[in-house]
Amino acid sequence: MDKQKKIKLSQYTQALLNALRTIKSKPRPDDISALSVSQTVSFFALVYEKVRNAVEFREDHLVLRAAIERILRRRLSINPEGKGEAENLLRELLWARYFDNGSLGGEDVVKIQQLIDRFIFLRKKTLPGRDSNTQAFLNDFLVDILTCEIEEYLKPASAQKQANLTFFIYQVLRQKIKIEELSSEQKDAYFLAAIEKVFGKSDKAYLRYHLFITFYKKLSEFSQDELEKLSHQIITIFKKIDDIINNEYVDKLIKFTKKQLPPFYCFI
């Protein structure tokens, strides 16, 4: 009897499996720093969120980010400087039962407050002196980046799994794409946007965020000097990203991606 042949995995598949094995869930805070909220308030917050989500229908994986955005926009309209708003945000997420009571804590408050402070810094640097349309564009883009990074910080395991799968599909399929009139860099950027739309089912906010951190990095990883430099280039960067998202080649690559995706669903 012939010996059973072993299936040889490609380097991309092996890299994906290794990456998936290293994913860890976010650790719970210690009992001293853990945030706890009233269950009575939580009930009413939960009902409110269910009503909002029913009215503003979204894919399940987009609901949390939308809630983070709603809360932050409301809180920052009252407190434009954003001081102390990280804890308020986390408490409201606990009230609405997006997270278990006691699962978020002091370290999370510090990390998210740092992100909010960076957002406020960039908003102060980039919005003044511009027309209302440009201000709205910049503010919305910054809110998208902020809220996406907050969600991915709070749910790192699911974010890392999605990132690994997206990169795997990108690496496997990108060599099959031939578009003579595009440079390699353009083709790769448009294809990444197509994968995000089809496989990731990303909305505009996540498309903007994932392209931004692909070309640059997360807000939390910028030094203060780098944030200063970013503020001078930000309008050009944001417009370039939106141009990629809205390019006609992305729509063409979406059709290609949809046909290629079925074999990859076994990894989900």
C-alpha atoms as a PDB file:
ATOM      1  CA  MET A   1       0.000   0.000   0.000  1.00  0.00           C
ATOM      2  CA  ASP A   2       1.338   3.412  -0.918  1.00  0.00           C
ATOM      3  CA  LYS A   3       2.131   5.605   1.947  1.00  0.00           C
ATOM      4  CA  GLN A   4      -0.261   8.473   2.369  1.00  0.00           C
ATOM      5  CA  LYS A   5       1.268  11.581   0.861  1.00  0.00           C
ATOM      6  CA  LYS A   6       1.476  14.640   3.017  1.00  0.00           C
ATOM      7  CA  ILE A   7       0.030  17.818   1.650  1.00  0.00           C
ATOM      8  CA  LYS A   8       2.724  20.439   1.331  1.00  0.00           C
ATOM      9  CA  LEU A   9       1.516  23.849   2.449  1.00  0.00           C
ATOM     10  CA  SER A  10       2.571  26.984   0.616  1.00  0.00           C
ATOM     11  CA  GLN A  11       4.724  29.517   2.418  1.00  0.00           C
ATOM     12  CA  TYR A  12       1.729  31.865   2.642  1.00  0.00           C
ATOM     13  CA  THR A  13      -0.524  29.193   4.163  1.00  0.00           C
ATOM     14  CA  GLN A  14       2.135  28.176   6.676  1.00  0.00           C
ATOM     15  CA  ALA A  15       2.717  31.814   7.616  1.00  0.00           C
ATOM     16  CA  LEU A  16      -1.034  32.295   8.089  1.00  0.00           C
ATOM     17  CA  LEU A  17      -1.385  29.242  10.329  1.00  0.00           C
ATOM     18  CA  ASN A  18       1.605  30.334  12.419  1.00  0.00           C
ATOM     19  CA  ALA A  19       0.149  33.829  12.766  1.00  0.00           C
ATOM     20  CA  LEU A  20      -3.283  32.521  13.764  1.00  0.00           C
ATOM     21  CA  ARG A  21      -1.704  30.351  16.472  1.00  0.00           C
ATOM     22  CA  THR A  22      -0.073  33.370  18.115  1.00  0.00           C
ATOM     23  CA  ILE A  23      -3.294  35.395  18.483  1.00  0.00           C
ATOM     24  CA  LYS A  24      -4.226  36.079  22.087  1.00  0.00           C
ATOM     25  CA  SER A  25      -7.337  37.605  23.582  1.00  0.00           C
ATOM     26  CA  LYS A  26      -7.107  40.822  25.541  1.00  0.00           C
ATOM     27  CA  PRO A  27      -6.339  40.051  29.217  1.00  0.00           C
ATOM     28  CA  ARG A  28      -8.832  41.096  31.872  1.00  0.00           C
ATOM     29  CA  PRO A  29      -7.742  43.895  34.219  1.00  0.00           C
ATOM     30  CA  ASP A  30      -6.962  43.217  37.861  1.00  0.00           C
ATOM     31  CA  ASP A  31      -9.760  43.582  40.386  1.00  0.00           C
ATOM     32  CA  ILE A  32      -8.474  46.932  41.642  1.00  0.00           C
ATOM     33  CA  SER A  33      -8.401  48.731  38.263  1.00  0.00           C
ATOM     34  CA  ALA A  34     -11.441  47.008  36.702  1.00  0.00           C
ATOM     35  CA  LEU A  35     -14.333  49.293  35.758  1.00  0.00           C
ATOM     36  CA  SER A  36     -17.741  48.346  37.116  1.00  0.00           C
ATOM     37  CA  VAL A  37     -21.086  49.915  36.181  1.00  0.00           C
ATOM     38  CA  SER A  38     -24.647  49.827  37.474  1.00  0.00           C
ATOM     39  CA  GLN A  39     -26.693  46.973  36.049  1.00  0.00           C
ATOM     40  CA  THR A  40     -29.832  49.123  36.234  1.00  0.00           C
ATOM     41  CA  VAL A  41     -28.275  51.785  34.026  1.00  0.00           C
ATOM     42  CA  SER A  42     -26.884  48.993  31.874  1.00  0.00           C
ATOM     43  CA  PHE A  43     -30.366  47.685  31.121  1.00  0.00           C
ATOM     44  CA  PHE A  44     -31.587  51.038  29.788  1.00  0.00           C
ATOM     45  CA  ALA A  45     -28.361  51.598  27.827  1.00  0.00           C
ATOM     46  CA  LEU A  46     -28.711  48.147  26.292  1.00  0.00           C
ATOM     47  CA  VAL A  47     -32.285  48.837  25.188  1.00  0.00           C
ATOM     48  CA  TYR A  48     -31.216  52.177  23.687  1.00  0.00           C
ATOM     49  CA  GLU A  49     -28.377  50.565  21.731  1.00  0.00           C
ATOM     50  CA  LYS A  50     -30.610  47.799  20.396  1.00  0.00           C
ATOM     51  CA  VAL A  51     -33.079  50.392  19.131  1.00  0.00           C
ATOM     52  CA  ARG A  52     -30.317  52.468  17.525  1.00  0.00           C
ATOM     53  CA  ASN A  53     -28.794  49.424  15.856  1.00  0.00           C
ATOM     54  CA  ALA A  54     -32.170  48.345  14.536  1.00  0.00           C
ATOM     55  CA  VAL A  55     -32.731  51.771  12.996  1.00  0.00           C
ATOM     56  CA  GLU A  56     -29.165  52.143  11.692  1.00  0.00           C
ATOM     57  CA  PHE A  57     -28.782  48.678  10.194  1.00  0.00           C
ATOM     58  CA  ARG A  58     -25.162  47.564   9.886  1.00  0.00           C
ATOM     59  CA  GLU A  59     -23.256  44.334   9.523  1.00  0.00           C
ATOM     60  CA  ASP A  60     -22.658  42.828  12.985  1.00  0.00           C
ATOM     61  CA  HIS A  61     -18.915  43.444  12.858  1.00  0.00           C
ATOM     62  CA  LEU A  62     -19.491  47.188  12.285  1.00  0.00           C
ATOM     63  CA  VAL A  63     -21.874  47.796  15.189  1.00  0.00           C
ATOM     64  CA  LEU A  64     -19.285  48.357  17.940  1.00  0.00           C
ATOM     65  CA  ARG A  65     -17.280  50.939  15.998  1.00  0.00           C
ATOM     66  CA  ALA A  66     -20.475  52.831  15.198  1.00  0.00           C
ATOM     67  CA  ALA A  67     -21.356  52.864  18.896  1.00  0.00           C
ATOM     68  CA  ILE A  68     -17.889  54.168  19.780  1.00  0.00           C
ATOM     69  CA  GLU A  69     -18.320  56.932  17.207  1.00  0.00           C
ATOM     70  CA  ARG A  70     -21.773  57.924  18.485  1.00  0.00           C
ATOM     71  CA  ILE A  71     -20.547  58.133  22.063  1.00  0.00           C
ATOM     72  CA  LEU A  72     -17.383  60.071  21.226  1.00  0.00           C
ATOM     73  CA  ARG A  73     -19.115  62.581  18.973  1.00  0.00           C
ATOM     74  CA  ARG A  74     -21.641  63.282  21.709  1.00  0.00           C
ATOM     75  CA  ARG A  75     -19.048  63.470  24.494  1.00  0.00           C
ATOM     76  CA  LEU A  76     -16.666  65.690  22.491  1.00  0.00           C
ATOM     77  CA  SER A  77     -19.467  68.083  21.571  1.00  0.00           C
ATOM     78  CA  ILE A  78     -19.800  68.711  25.320  1.00  0.00           C
ATOM     79  CA  ASN A  79     -16.091  68.492  26.127  1.00  0.00           C
ATOM     80  CA  PRO A  80     -14.102  69.543  23.005  1.00  0.00           C
ATOM     81  CA  GLU A  81     -10.749  69.115  24.765  1.00  0.00           C
ATOM     82  CA  GLY A  82     -11.541  65.448  25.364  1.00  0.00           C
ATOM     83  CA  LYS A  83     -10.005  65.355  28.844  1.00  0.00           C
ATOM     84  CA  GLY A  84     -11.218  62.362  30.849  1.00  0.00           C
ATOM     85  CA  GLU A  85     -13.418  61.084  28.035  1.00  0.00           C
ATOM     86  CA  ALA A  86     -11.717  57.697  27.741  1.00  0.00           C
ATOM     87  CA  GLU A  87     -13.235  56.474  31.002  1.00  0.00           C
ATOM     88  CA  ASN A  88     -16.640  57.908  30.059  1.00  0.00           C
ATOM     89  CA  LEU A  89     -16.482  56.065  26.734  1.00  0.00           C
ATOM     90  CA  LEU A  90     -15.564  52.754  28.350  1.00  0.00           C
ATOM     91  CA  ARG A  91     -18.272  53.061  30.981  1.00  0.00           C
ATOM     92  CA  GLU A  92     -20.907  53.698  28.319  1.00  0.00           C
ATOM     93  CA  LEU A  93     -19.709  50.641  26.370  1.00  0.00           C
ATOM     94  CA  LEU A  94     -20.012  48.588  29.552  1.00  0.00           C
ATOM     95  CA  TRP A  95     -23.489  49.990  30.234  1.00  0.00           C
ATOM     96  CA  ALA A  96     -24.589  48.956  26.746  1.00  0.00           C
ATOM     97  CA  ARG A  97     -23.044  45.502  27.360  1.00  0.00           C
ATOM     98  CA  TYR A  98     -20.672  45.598  24.437  1.00  0.00           C
ATOM     99  CA  PHE A  99     -18.207  44.260  27.028  1.00  0.00           C
ATOM    100  CA  ASP A 100     -18.707  42.272  30.211  1.00  0.00           C
ATOM    101  CA  ASN A 101     -18.786  44.239  33.445  1.00  0.00           C
ATOM    102  CA  GLY A 102     -15.271  44.389  34.862  1.00  0.00           C
ATOM    103  CA  SER A 103     -13.577  43.376  31.609  1.00  0.00           C
ATOM    104  CA  LEU A 104     -12.147  46.860  31.000  1.00  0.00           C
ATOM    105  CA  GLY A 105      -9.839  48.701  33.363  1.00  0.00           C
ATOM    106  CA  GLY A 106      -7.362  51.408  34.175  1.00  0.00           C
ATOM    107  CA  GLU A 107      -4.789  50.478  31.543  1.00  0.00           C
ATOM    108  CA  ASP A 108      -7.498  50.675  28.878  1.00  0.00           C
ATOM    109  CA  VAL A 109      -8.453  54.153  30.099  1.00  0.00           C
ATOM    110  CA  VAL A 110      -4.841  55.326  29.762  1.00  0.00           C
ATOM    111  CA  LYS A 111      -4.345  53.848  26.279  1.00  0.00           C
ATOM    112  CA  ILE A 112      -7.594  55.205  24.876  1.00  0.00           C
ATOM    113  CA  GLN A 113      -7.111  58.633  26.444  1.00  0.00           C
ATOM    114  CA  GLN A 114      -3.756  58.818  24.670  1.00  0.00           C
ATOM    115  CA  LEU A 115      -5.518  58.096  21.379  1.00  0.00           C
ATOM    116  CA  ILE A 116      -8.162  60.743  22.050  1.00  0.00           C
ATOM    117  CA  ASP A 117      -5.438  63.271  22.914  1.00  0.00           C
ATOM    118  CA  ARG A 118      -3.686  62.551  19.587  1.00  0.00           C
ATOM    119  CA  PHE A 119      -6.966  62.969  17.748  1.00  0.00           C
ATOM    120  CA  ILE A 120      -7.572  66.332  19.457  1.00  0.00           C
ATOM    121  CA  PHE A 121      -4.002  67.437  18.637  1.00  0.00           C
ATOM    122  CA  LEU A 122      -4.429  66.641  14.943  1.00  0.00           C
ATOM    123  CA  ARG A 123      -7.846  68.279  14.827  1.00  0.00           C
ATOM    124  CA  LYS A 124      -6.472  71.484  16.340  1.00  0.00           C
ATOM    125  CA  LYS A 125      -3.560  71.457  13.912  1.00  0.00           C
ATOM    126  CA  THR A 126      -5.514  70.754  10.736  1.00  0.00           C
ATOM    127  CA  LEU A 127      -9.039  72.224  10.964  1.00  0.00           C
ATOM    128  CA  PRO A 128      -8.566  75.955  11.724  1.00  0.00           C
ATOM    129  CA  GLY A 129      -8.466  78.258   8.709  1.00  0.00           C
ATOM    130  CA  ARG A 130     -10.058  75.815   6.284  1.00  0.00           C
ATOM    131  CA  ASP A 131     -13.461  76.063   4.623  1.00  0.00           C
ATOM    132  CA  SER A 132     -16.390  74.199   6.202  1.00  0.00           C
ATOM    133  CA  ASN A 133     -16.400  71.356   3.663  1.00  0.00           C
ATOM    134  CA  THR A 134     -12.710  70.653   4.180  1.00  0.00           C
ATOM    135  CA  GLN A 135     -13.122  70.842   7.953  1.00  0.00           C
ATOM    136  CA  ALA A 136     -15.957  68.306   7.820  1.00  0.00           C
ATOM    137  CA  PHE A 137     -13.908  66.001   5.575  1.00  0.00           C
ATOM    138  CA  LEU A 138     -10.852  66.117   7.839  1.00  0.00           C
ATOM    139  CA  ASN A 139     -12.864  65.730  11.035  1.00  0.00           C
ATOM    140  CA  ASP A 140     -14.827  62.739   9.708  1.00  0.00           C
ATOM    141  CA  PHE A 141     -11.655  61.042   8.476  1.00  0.00           C
ATOM    142  CA  LEU A 142      -9.924  61.594  11.830  1.00  0.00           C
ATOM    143  CA  VAL A 143     -12.980  60.246  13.680  1.00  0.00           C
ATOM    144  CA  ASP A 144     -12.912  57.154  11.444  1.00  0.00           C
ATOM    145  CA  ILE A 145      -9.249  56.497  12.226  1.00  0.00           C
ATOM    146  CA  LEU A 146      -9.725  57.099  15.947  1.00  0.00           C
ATOM    147  CA  THR A 147     -12.800  54.922  16.399  1.00  0.00           C
ATOM    148  CA  CYS A 148     -11.422  52.044  14.328  1.00  0.00           C
ATOM    149  CA  GLU A 149      -8.192  51.992  16.313  1.00  0.00           C
ATOM    150  CA  ILE A 150     -10.100  52.102  19.600  1.00  0.00           C
ATOM    151  CA  GLU A 151     -12.215  49.121  18.566  1.00  0.00           C
ATOM    152  CA  GLU A 152      -9.209  47.132  17.407  1.00  0.00           C
ATOM    153  CA  TYR A 153      -7.439  47.904  20.693  1.00  0.00           C
ATOM    154  CA  LEU A 154     -10.445  46.689  22.683  1.00  0.00           C
ATOM    155  CA  LYS A 155     -10.901  43.556  20.547  1.00  0.00           C
ATOM    156  CA  PRO A 156      -7.362  42.672  19.425  1.00  0.00           C
ATOM    157  CA  ALA A 157      -7.944  38.963  18.735  1.00  0.00           C
ATOM    158  CA  SER A 158     -10.689  39.437  16.157  1.00  0.00           C
ATOM    159  CA  ALA A 159      -8.822  42.380  14.609  1.00  0.00           C
ATOM    160  CA  GLN A 160      -5.601  40.382  14.279  1.00  0.00           C
ATOM    161  CA  LYS A 161      -7.379  37.369  12.796  1.00  0.00           C
ATOM    162  CA  GLN A 162      -9.068  39.543  10.185  1.00  0.00           C
ATOM    163  CA  ALA A 163      -5.792  41.294   9.354  1.00  0.00           C
ATOM    164  CA  ASN A 164      -3.974  37.971   8.942  1.00  0.00           C
ATOM    165  CA  LEU A 165      -6.668  36.538   6.672  1.00  0.00           C
ATOM    166  CA  THR A 166      -6.812  39.691   4.565  1.00  0.00           C
ATOM    167  CA  PHE A 167      -3.027  39.736   4.111  1.00  0.00           C
ATOM    168  CA  PHE A 168      -3.050  36.031   3.222  1.00  0.00           C
ATOM    169  CA  ILE A 169      -5.665  36.503   0.487  1.00  0.00           C
ATOM    170  CA  TYR A 170      -3.816  39.574  -0.770  1.00  0.00           C
ATOM    171  CA  GLN A 171      -0.489  37.735  -1.054  1.00  0.00           C
ATOM    172  CA  VAL A 172      -1.964  34.657  -2.742  1.00  0.00           C
ATOM    173  CA  LEU A 173      -4.013  36.521  -5.344  1.00  0.00           C
ATOM    174  CA  ARG A 174      -2.041  39.671  -6.126  1.00  0.00           C
ATOM    175  CA  GLN A 175       0.261  37.992  -8.655  1.00  0.00           C
ATOM    176  CA  LYS A 176      -2.749  36.874 -10.691  1.00  0.00           C
ATOM    177  CA  ILE A 177      -3.734  40.461 -11.432  1.00  0.00           C
ATOM    178  CA  LYS A 178      -2.443  42.000 -14.649  1.00  0.00           C
ATOM    179  CA  ILE A 179      -3.443  45.577 -15.454  1.00  0.00           C
ATOM    180  CA  GLU A 180      -0.986  47.015 -17.942  1.00  0.00           C
ATOM    181  CA  GLU A 181      -1.920  50.667 -17.486  1.00  0.00           C
ATOM    182  CA  LEU A 182      -1.302  50.617 -13.721  1.00  0.00           C
ATOM    183  CA  SER A 183       1.944  50.664 -11.794  1.00  0.00           C
ATOM    184  CA  SER A 184       2.593  47.835  -9.349  1.00  0.00           C
ATOM    185  CA  GLU A 185       1.945  50.193  -6.422  1.00  0.00           C
ATOM    186  CA  GLN A 186      -1.396  51.355  -7.841  1.00  0.00           C
ATOM    187  CA  LYS A 187      -2.533  47.823  -8.595  1.00  0.00           C
ATOM    188  CA  ASP A 188      -1.658  46.647  -5.072  1.00  0.00           C
ATOM    189  CA  ALA A 189      -3.472  49.585  -3.446  1.00  0.00           C
ATOM    190  CA  TYR A 190      -6.637  49.109  -5.505  1.00  0.00           C
ATOM    191  CA  PHE A 191      -6.612  45.356  -4.903  1.00  0.00           C
ATOM    192  CA  LEU A 192      -6.264  45.815  -1.149  1.00  0.00           C
ATOM    193  CA  ALA A 193      -9.280  48.144  -1.177  1.00  0.00           C
ATOM    194  CA  ALA A 194     -11.232  45.531  -3.158  1.00  0.00           C
ATOM    195  CA  ILE A 195     -10.393  42.776  -0.647  1.00  0.00           C
ATOM    196  CA  GLU A 196     -11.434  45.033   2.226  1.00  0.00           C
ATOM    197  CA  LYS A 197     -14.789  45.686   0.557  1.00  0.00           C
ATOM    198  CA  VAL A 198     -15.519  42.074  -0.421  1.00  0.00           C
ATOM    199  CA  PHE A 199     -13.861  39.854   2.180  1.00  0.00           C
ATOM    200  CA  GLY A 200     -13.716  42.280   5.094  1.00  0.00           C
ATOM    201  CA  LYS A 201     -17.111  43.829   4.291  1.00  0.00           C
ATOM    202  CA  SER A 202     -15.530  47.036   5.514  1.00  0.00           C
ATOM    203  CA  ASP A 203     -17.509  50.238   5.555  1.00  0.00           C
ATOM    204  CA  LYS A 204     -15.999  53.596   4.597  1.00  0.00           C
ATOM    205  CA  ALA A 205     -14.510  54.120   8.052  1.00  0.00           C
ATOM    206  CA  TYR A 206     -12.644  50.819   8.070  1.00  0.00           C
ATOM    207  CA  LEU A 207     -11.542  51.184   4.456  1.00  0.00           C
ATOM    208  CA  ARG A 208      -9.986  54.526   5.357  1.00  0.00           C
ATOM    209  CA  TYR A 209      -8.400  53.166   8.523  1.00  0.00           C
ATOM    210  CA  HIS A 210      -6.914  50.000   7.052  1.00  0.00           C
ATOM    211  CA  LEU A 211      -5.448  51.826   4.064  1.00  0.00           C
ATOM    212  CA  PHE A 212      -4.035  54.512   6.359  1.00  0.00           C
ATOM    213  CA  ILE A 213      -2.273  52.045   8.664  1.00  0.00           C
ATOM    214  CA  THR A 214      -1.051  50.049   5.656  1.00  0.00           C
ATOM    215  CA  PHE A 215       0.639  53.090   4.099  1.00  0.00           C
ATOM    216  CA  TYR A 216       1.658  54.659   7.420  1.00  0.00           C
ATOM    217  CA  LYS A 217       0.913  53.245  10.890  1.00  0.00           C
ATOM    218  CA  LYS A 218      -1.506  53.447  13.791  1.00  0.00           C
ATOM    219  CA  LEU A 219      -1.983  56.759  15.593  1.00  0.00           C
ATOM    220  CA  SER A 220      -0.690  55.158  18.790  1.00  0.00           C
ATOM    221  CA  GLU A 221       2.643  54.429  17.070  1.00  0.00           C
ATOM    222  CA  PHE A 222       3.387  58.006  15.973  1.00  0.00           C
ATOM    223  CA  SER A 223       5.851  60.005  18.029  1.00  0.00           C
ATOM    224  CA  GLN A 224       4.945  63.603  18.831  1.00  0.00           C
ATOM    225  CA  ASP A 225       7.327  64.875  16.147  1.00  0.00           C
ATOM    226  CA  GLU A 226       5.812  62.483  13.615  1.00  0.00           C
ATOM    227  CA  LEU A 227       2.318  63.694  14.499  1.00  0.00           C
ATOM    228  CA  GLU A 228       3.476  67.254  13.868  1.00  0.00           C
ATOM    229  CA  LYS A 229       4.806  66.287  10.420  1.00  0.00           C
ATOM    230  CA  LEU A 230       1.648  64.303   9.683  1.00  0.00           C
ATOM    231  CA  SER A 231      -0.509  67.350  10.401  1.00  0.00           C
ATOM    232  CA  HIS A 232       1.177  69.242   7.534  1.00  0.00           C
ATOM    233  CA  GLN A 233       0.542  66.433   5.023  1.00  0.00           C
ATOM    234  CA  ILE A 234      -2.783  65.152   6.267  1.00  0.00           C
ATOM    235  CA  ILE A 235      -5.122  66.710   3.704  1.00  0.00           C
ATOM    236  CA  THR A 236      -3.051  65.243   0.835  1.00  0.00           C
ATOM    237  CA  ILE A 237      -2.844  61.838   2.524  1.00  0.00           C
ATOM    238  CA  PHE A 238      -6.558  61.622   3.277  1.00  0.00           C
ATOM    239  CA  LYS A 239      -7.581  62.687  -0.228  1.00  0.00           C
ATOM    240  CA  LYS A 240      -5.201  60.148  -1.754  1.00  0.00           C
ATOM    241  CA  ILE A 241      -6.768  57.365   0.329  1.00  0.00           C
ATOM    242  CA  ASP A 242     -10.304  58.372  -0.638  1.00  0.00           C
ATOM    243  CA  ASP A 243      -9.235  58.522  -4.295  1.00  0.00           C
ATOM    244  CA  ILE A 244      -8.050  54.912  -4.006  1.00  0.00           C
ATOM    245  CA  ILE A 245     -11.307  53.786  -2.363  1.00  0.00           C
ATOM    246  CA  ASN A 246     -13.444  55.453  -5.028  1.00  0.00           C
ATOM    247  CA  ASN A 247     -11.338  54.505  -8.058  1.00  0.00           C
ATOM    248  CA  GLU A 248     -13.107  52.642 -10.890  1.00  0.00           C
ATOM    249  CA  TYR A 249     -10.408  49.947 -10.866  1.00  0.00           C
ATOM    250  CA  VAL A 250     -11.500  48.952  -7.355  1.00  0.00           C
ATOM    251  CA  ASP A 251     -14.962  48.097  -8.682  1.00  0.00           C
ATOM    252  CA  LYS A 252     -13.399  45.966 -11.424  1.00  0.00           C
ATOM    253  CA  LEU A 253     -11.171  44.173  -8.917  1.00  0.00           C
ATOM    254  CA  ILE A 254     -14.169  43.544  -6.663  1.00  0.00           C
ATOM    255  CA  LYS A 255     -15.687  41.372  -9.390  1.00  0.00           C
ATOM    256  CA  PHE A 256     -12.416  39.436  -9.706  1.00  0.00           C
ATOM    257  CA  THR A 257     -12.118  39.054  -5.922  1.00  0.00           C
ATOM    258  CA  LYS A 258     -15.665  37.713  -5.503  1.00  0.00           C
ATOM    259  CA  LYS A 259     -14.918  34.906  -7.969  1.00  0.00           C
ATOM    260  CA  GLN A 260     -11.658  33.997  -6.211  1.00  0.00           C
ATOM    261  CA  LEU A 261     -12.832  34.022  -2.590  1.00  0.00           C
ATOM    262  CA  PRO A 262     -14.753  30.715  -2.089  1.00  0.00           C
ATOM    263  CA  PRO A 263     -11.644  28.510  -1.480  1.00  0.00           C
ATOM    264  CA  PHE A 264     -10.458  30.901   1.240  1.00  0.00           C
ATOM    265  CA  TYR A 265     -13.563  30.574   3.396  1.00  0.00           C
ATOM    266  CA  CYS A 266     -12.246  27.316   4.859  1.00  0.00           C
ATOM    267  CA  PHE A 267      -9.832  29.413   6.928  1.00  0.00           C
ATOM    268  CA  ILE A 268     -12.574  31.493   8.559  1.00  0.00           C
END
